[in-house]
Amino acid sequence: MLAVDTASAATSVALLDGDDLLAHEVHVDARNHAEVLAVMVERALSTAGRPRITAVACGVGPGAYTGLRVGVSSAQAYGLGWEVPVYGVCSLDAMALAASAAVTGPFACAIDARRREIYWAQYEASGVRTQGPFVMAPSAIDSSVRELPWFGDIAMSYAEQLHGTSADTVPFPDARDVGRFALHHLALGQQVNSTAIELSVHGHDLGATAAALTGRSLLQPLPLYVRRPDAVEPIR
């Protein structure tokens, strides 16, 4: 499986064969996703001896508008060219799969949404998402959720607002985590589910996106936007 992720400042690529990591590339530059991704994929394929690709997985966010579109559109193109399925993975879900090994009860994961807000979701001990993803200020999250263990670098930055126990820091997921999440759920026999709303369109906040993703693990390869756009139509 080829996995790509551009949901953060990093561009990452991984080639996986089951539990074996065949190649892994990371480049950190928030403005350079489009310039480096194809080069990194080619380099990873060469490193791994050009294995036959049977599927593509891509991180779909939540994340920055431009970065997400680079990774998702590239994954779609690779899938089309190789005639293989393409799976979308929520970044928070990939983080939760890694975090679930360290907990015995419900927990939450968070990544930076800027503007003093976080993207977050709540999970069962197994890593199954029970609510989210949402975007909001940490202080606006229900107190029962704020008291849970939290994972993610940004959660530690808001320790005063998030009153739960200080869970181990889990870094922002990269292509390795995205690929492992997809392979894990494919091994369970899951397939991509259609969603009730068009996730690639801005403005599905107030819980609409979270409701559409409830019970869904492998997603359509579409950018996951949770926040409304800054741009507004001019008044005439």
Protein backbone atom coordinates (compact mmCIF):
# COMPACT_ATOMS: atom_id res chain seq x y z
CA MET A 1 0.00 0.00 0.00
CA LEU A 2 1.09 3.54 -0.79
CA ALA A 3 0.13 6.05 1.90
CA VAL A 4 0.47 9.82 1.60
CA ASP A 5 -0.30 12.61 4.02
CA THR A 6 -0.21 16.39 3.59
CA ALA A 7 -2.66 17.37 6.36
CA SER A 8 0.01 19.18 8.38
CA ALA A 9 3.13 21.20 7.65
CA ALA A 10 4.83 17.90 6.79
CA THR A 11 4.56 15.99 3.54
CA SER A 12 4.98 12.27 4.19
CA VAL A 13 4.96 9.10 2.12
CA ALA A 14 5.05 5.47 3.22
CA LEU A 15 5.03 2.13 1.48
CA LEU A 16 3.70 -0.75 3.56
CA ASP A 17 3.33 -4.47 3.03
CA GLY A 18 1.14 -5.55 5.94
CA ASP A 19 3.11 -4.82 9.10
CA ASP A 20 6.32 -4.22 7.14
CA LEU A 21 7.37 -0.64 6.40
CA LEU A 22 9.14 -0.77 3.05
CA ALA A 23 9.94 2.94 2.69
CA HIS A 24 9.23 6.20 4.49
CA GLU A 25 9.84 9.80 3.44
CA VAL A 26 9.12 13.04 5.35
CA HIS A 27 9.62 16.67 4.29
CA VAL A 28 8.57 19.57 6.55
CA ASP A 29 7.56 22.77 4.76
CA ALA A 30 3.99 24.04 5.01
CA ARG A 31 4.23 25.79 1.62
CA ASN A 32 5.93 23.08 -0.40
CA HIS A 33 3.59 20.07 -0.47
CA ALA A 34 2.90 20.21 -4.19
CA GLU A 35 6.56 20.57 -5.15
CA VAL A 36 7.88 17.61 -3.16
CA LEU A 37 5.14 14.97 -2.98
CA ALA A 38 5.60 13.34 -6.38
CA VAL A 39 9.39 13.33 -5.96
CA MET A 40 9.03 11.64 -2.56
CA VAL A 41 6.67 9.00 -3.94
CA GLU A 42 9.11 8.19 -6.73
CA ARG A 43 11.99 7.97 -4.27
CA ALA A 44 10.02 5.70 -1.93
CA LEU A 45 9.05 3.40 -4.80
CA SER A 46 12.68 3.18 -5.88
CA THR A 47 13.85 2.46 -2.31
CA ALA A 48 11.30 -0.32 -1.93
CA GLY A 49 12.22 -1.96 -5.25
CA ARG A 50 9.05 -0.81 -7.00
CA PRO A 51 6.56 -3.23 -5.44
CA ARG A 52 3.11 -3.71 -6.95
CA ILE A 53 0.74 -1.19 -5.39
CA THR A 54 -2.64 -2.68 -4.51
CA ALA A 55 -4.20 0.32 -2.70
CA VAL A 56 -3.59 3.95 -1.82
CA ALA A 57 -4.42 5.62 1.51
CA CYS A 58 -4.39 9.34 2.16
CA GLY A 59 -4.85 11.55 5.17
CA VAL A 60 -7.95 13.70 4.69
CA GLY A 61 -7.58 15.94 7.75
CA PRO A 62 -8.99 17.98 9.37
CA GLY A 63 -6.23 20.29 8.26
CA ALA A 64 -5.22 23.26 6.13
CA TYR A 65 -7.16 23.80 2.90
CA THR A 66 -4.28 23.83 0.41
CA GLY A 67 -2.17 21.11 1.97
CA LEU A 68 -5.07 18.67 2.16
CA ARG A 69 -6.00 19.13 -1.47
CA VAL A 70 -2.45 18.34 -2.63
CA GLY A 71 -2.33 14.98 -0.90
CA VAL A 72 -5.90 13.95 -1.64
CA SER A 73 -5.80 14.89 -5.33
CA SER A 74 -2.46 13.12 -5.74
CA ALA A 75 -3.81 9.99 -4.07
CA GLN A 76 -6.82 10.05 -6.37
CA ALA A 77 -4.52 10.37 -9.38
CA TYR A 78 -2.33 7.44 -8.29
CA GLY A 79 -5.39 5.32 -7.67
CA LEU A 80 -6.77 6.15 -11.09
CA GLY A 81 -3.46 5.50 -12.84
CA TRP A 82 -2.83 2.20 -11.10
CA GLU A 83 -6.52 1.21 -11.09
CA VAL A 84 -6.50 0.51 -7.36
CA PRO A 85 -8.85 1.66 -4.56
CA VAL A 86 -8.13 4.86 -2.63
CA TYR A 87 -9.02 5.16 1.06
CA GLY A 88 -9.36 8.36 3.08
CA VAL A 89 -8.32 8.38 6.74
CA CYS A 90 -9.25 11.05 9.29
CA SER A 91 -6.04 12.34 10.89
CA LEU A 92 -7.54 12.14 14.37
CA ASP A 93 -8.56 8.51 13.78
CA ALA A 94 -5.00 7.59 12.79
CA MET A 95 -3.72 9.28 15.94
CA ALA A 96 -6.30 7.44 18.06
CA LEU A 97 -5.27 4.03 16.75
CA ALA A 98 -1.74 4.69 18.00
CA ALA A 99 -2.98 6.18 21.29
CA SER A 100 -5.37 3.31 22.08
CA ALA A 101 -2.45 1.12 23.16
CA ALA A 102 -1.86 3.43 26.14
CA VAL A 103 -5.39 3.66 27.59
CA THR A 104 -8.03 1.45 29.20
CA GLY A 105 -11.02 3.76 28.84
CA PRO A 106 -12.41 6.63 26.75
CA PHE A 107 -10.01 9.34 25.59
CA ALA A 108 -9.76 12.25 23.18
CA CYS A 109 -7.31 13.37 20.50
CA ALA A 110 -6.57 16.90 19.34
CA ILE A 111 -4.60 18.67 16.64
CA ASP A 112 -3.98 22.38 16.17
CA ALA A 113 -6.68 24.31 14.31
CA ARG A 114 -5.00 27.69 15.01
CA ARG A 115 -7.07 30.73 16.06
CA ARG A 116 -6.75 29.32 19.61
CA GLU A 117 -8.95 26.39 18.58
CA ILE A 118 -8.39 22.65 18.19
CA TYR A 119 -9.72 19.91 15.97
CA TRP A 120 -10.77 17.11 18.31
CA ALA A 121 -12.68 13.86 18.58
CA GLN A 122 -13.54 11.42 21.38
CA TYR A 123 -12.80 7.69 21.25
CA GLU A 124 -13.49 4.42 23.00
CA ALA A 125 -10.52 2.56 24.49
CA SER A 126 -10.37 0.49 21.28
CA GLY A 127 -9.80 3.61 19.19
CA VAL A 128 -13.34 3.76 17.76
CA ARG A 129 -14.54 7.34 17.36
CA THR A 130 -17.66 8.15 19.40
CA GLN A 131 -18.00 11.85 18.58
CA GLY A 132 -16.33 14.37 16.34
CA PRO A 133 -14.39 15.66 14.59
CA PHE A 134 -15.21 19.17 15.78
CA VAL A 135 -13.37 22.49 15.82
CA MET A 136 -13.68 24.83 18.81
CA ALA A 137 -11.86 26.51 21.64
CA PRO A 138 -10.82 23.97 24.30
CA SER A 139 -12.77 25.86 26.96
CA ALA A 140 -15.97 25.38 24.93
CA ILE A 141 -15.76 21.58 25.02
CA ASP A 142 -18.14 19.82 27.41
CA SER A 143 -16.57 19.41 30.85
CA SER A 144 -17.07 15.63 30.86
CA VAL A 145 -14.91 15.38 27.73
CA ARG A 146 -12.28 17.81 29.01
CA GLU A 147 -11.74 15.50 31.99
CA LEU A 148 -10.72 12.57 29.76
CA PRO A 149 -7.11 11.69 28.91
CA TRP A 150 -6.05 13.77 25.91
CA PHE A 151 -3.51 12.90 23.22
CA GLY A 152 -1.69 15.20 20.84
CA ASP A 153 0.99 17.86 21.12
CA ILE A 154 -1.56 20.69 21.00
CA ALA A 155 -3.62 19.19 23.83
CA MET A 156 -0.65 19.63 26.14
CA SER A 157 -0.57 23.32 25.22
CA TYR A 158 -4.10 23.72 26.60
CA ALA A 159 -3.62 21.76 29.82
CA GLU A 160 -5.41 24.38 31.90
CA GLN A 161 -8.59 24.24 29.79
CA LEU A 162 -8.42 20.46 29.32
CA HIS A 163 -8.61 19.30 32.91
CA GLY A 164 -8.11 15.61 32.21
CA THR A 165 -5.03 13.58 32.97
CA SER A 166 -1.92 14.40 30.97
CA ALA A 167 -1.76 11.56 28.50
CA ASP A 168 1.41 10.65 26.65
CA THR A 169 2.08 12.98 23.76
CA VAL A 170 1.27 11.43 20.40
CA PRO A 171 2.69 13.38 17.44
CA PHE A 172 0.62 14.43 14.46
CA PRO A 173 0.07 11.28 12.38
CA ASP A 174 2.01 10.89 9.16
CA ALA A 175 1.71 8.54 6.19
CA ARG A 176 2.85 5.53 8.25
CA ASP A 177 -0.06 5.98 10.66
CA VAL A 178 -2.49 6.63 7.80
CA GLY A 179 -1.41 3.44 6.01
CA ARG A 180 -1.49 1.33 9.16
CA PHE A 181 -4.98 2.59 10.00
CA ALA A 182 -6.25 1.72 6.54
CA LEU A 183 -4.62 -1.73 6.58
CA HIS A 184 -6.00 -2.39 10.08
CA HIS A 185 -9.58 -1.70 9.04
CA LEU A 186 -9.25 -3.48 5.70
CA ALA A 187 -8.10 -6.56 7.65
CA LEU A 188 -11.34 -6.29 9.63
CA GLY A 189 -13.27 -6.50 6.37
CA GLN A 190 -14.35 -2.86 6.28
CA GLN A 191 -14.77 -0.92 3.07
CA VAL A 192 -15.25 2.74 2.21
CA ASN A 193 -18.67 3.97 3.22
CA SER A 194 -20.49 6.69 1.35
CA THR A 195 -21.10 9.81 3.41
CA ALA A 196 -24.31 11.71 3.88
CA ILE A 197 -22.77 15.09 3.04
CA GLU A 198 -20.17 16.38 0.61
CA LEU A 199 -17.11 16.59 2.82
CA SER A 200 -15.01 18.50 0.31
CA VAL A 201 -17.21 21.58 0.65
CA HIS A 202 -16.53 24.18 3.34
CA GLY A 203 -19.02 25.05 6.01
CA HIS A 204 -20.28 21.71 7.36
CA ASP A 205 -19.76 22.67 10.96
CA LEU A 206 -22.19 22.70 13.90
CA GLY A 207 -21.93 18.92 14.04
CA ALA A 208 -23.07 18.07 10.49
CA THR A 209 -19.72 16.58 9.48
CA ALA A 210 -19.36 14.69 12.75
CA ALA A 211 -22.84 13.23 12.35
CA ALA A 212 -22.06 12.13 8.81
CA LEU A 213 -18.87 10.39 9.93
CA THR A 214 -20.39 8.54 12.89
CA GLY A 215 -19.62 4.84 12.59
CA ARG A 216 -17.37 5.37 9.56
CA SER A 217 -13.66 4.50 9.55
CA LEU A 218 -12.49 4.22 5.95
CA LEU A 219 -13.65 7.41 4.24
CA GLN A 220 -14.03 8.69 0.73
CA PRO A 221 -10.75 10.32 -0.46
CA LEU A 222 -12.05 13.86 -0.05
CA PRO A 223 -10.60 16.70 2.03
CA LEU A 224 -12.22 16.87 5.45
CA TYR A 225 -13.07 20.50 6.18
CA VAL A 226 -14.74 21.19 9.51
CA ARG A 227 -14.44 24.98 9.72
CA ARG A 228 -16.37 27.57 7.76
CA PRO A 229 -14.33 29.54 5.18
CA ASP A 230 -12.92 32.97 6.00
CA ALA A 231 -13.90 34.34 2.61
CA VAL A 232 -17.39 35.75 2.24
CA GLU A 233 -19.34 36.82 -0.81
CA PRO A 234 -19.11 40.59 -1.27
CA ILE A 235 -22.21 42.64 -0.58
CA ARG A 236 -23.56 44.30 -3.71
